[in-house]
Amino acid sequence: MARKFPLQPLLDLSQNHVDSAAKNLQVLKVRWNDAEDKLKQLLAYRESYRDRLRESGSAGTSSMAMQDFRLFLIKLDTAIKLQQEEVVRCQARWDAGRQEWVRQRGKLKAFDVLSQRHFRSEEKRENLIEQKEQDEISSKKRDRTDEG
C-alpha cells in the first residue's frame, strides 16, 4: 500500500493560499474596474458640463452664473484628479495582488512536484514489492514441481 505524501498538509495549505490569492485578485480587479468606470463618468460629465458652459456663454449668461460654472468645473477637475489617483492606487494593489498570487502559485507548484515524485517513487516501490512476491510464488511453484 502506498504511503501518504508526508507534505500533504502543506500542499493543501498552499492550494488554499493560491485560491485565496486568486479570489483577492478578482476583488481587486473589480475595484480597479469600478474606479476606472467612475473616472470615465466624471470625464464625460465634465465634457457635458463644459458644453453647457459654452452654450450658456453664447446665449448671454450673467457673469455670476459664469463664475459658478467655472467654480464647479474647478471642483469637478479636482474630483477627476482624485479619481485618477484612485485608479492608479487600484492598479498598484492589483499588481501587488497578482505578484502574491504568482508567488503562492510557485509554492504550490513546488509542493506538487514533490508530491508527484513521492507518488512515482511509491509506485516503483509497490511494483518492486509485487515483483518480489511474484518471484517468490514462482520460486515456490518450481520448488514443488522439482520435489514431485
Foldseek 3Di string as FASTA:
>chain_A
DADDDPCVVVLVVLVVQLVVLVVVLVVLVVQLVVLVVVLVVLVVVLVVLVVVLVVVVVVDDDPVVNVVSVVVSVVSVVVNVVSVVVSVVSVVVSVVSVVSSVVSVVVSVVVVVSNVVSVVVRVVVVVVVVVVVVVVVVVVVVVVVVVD
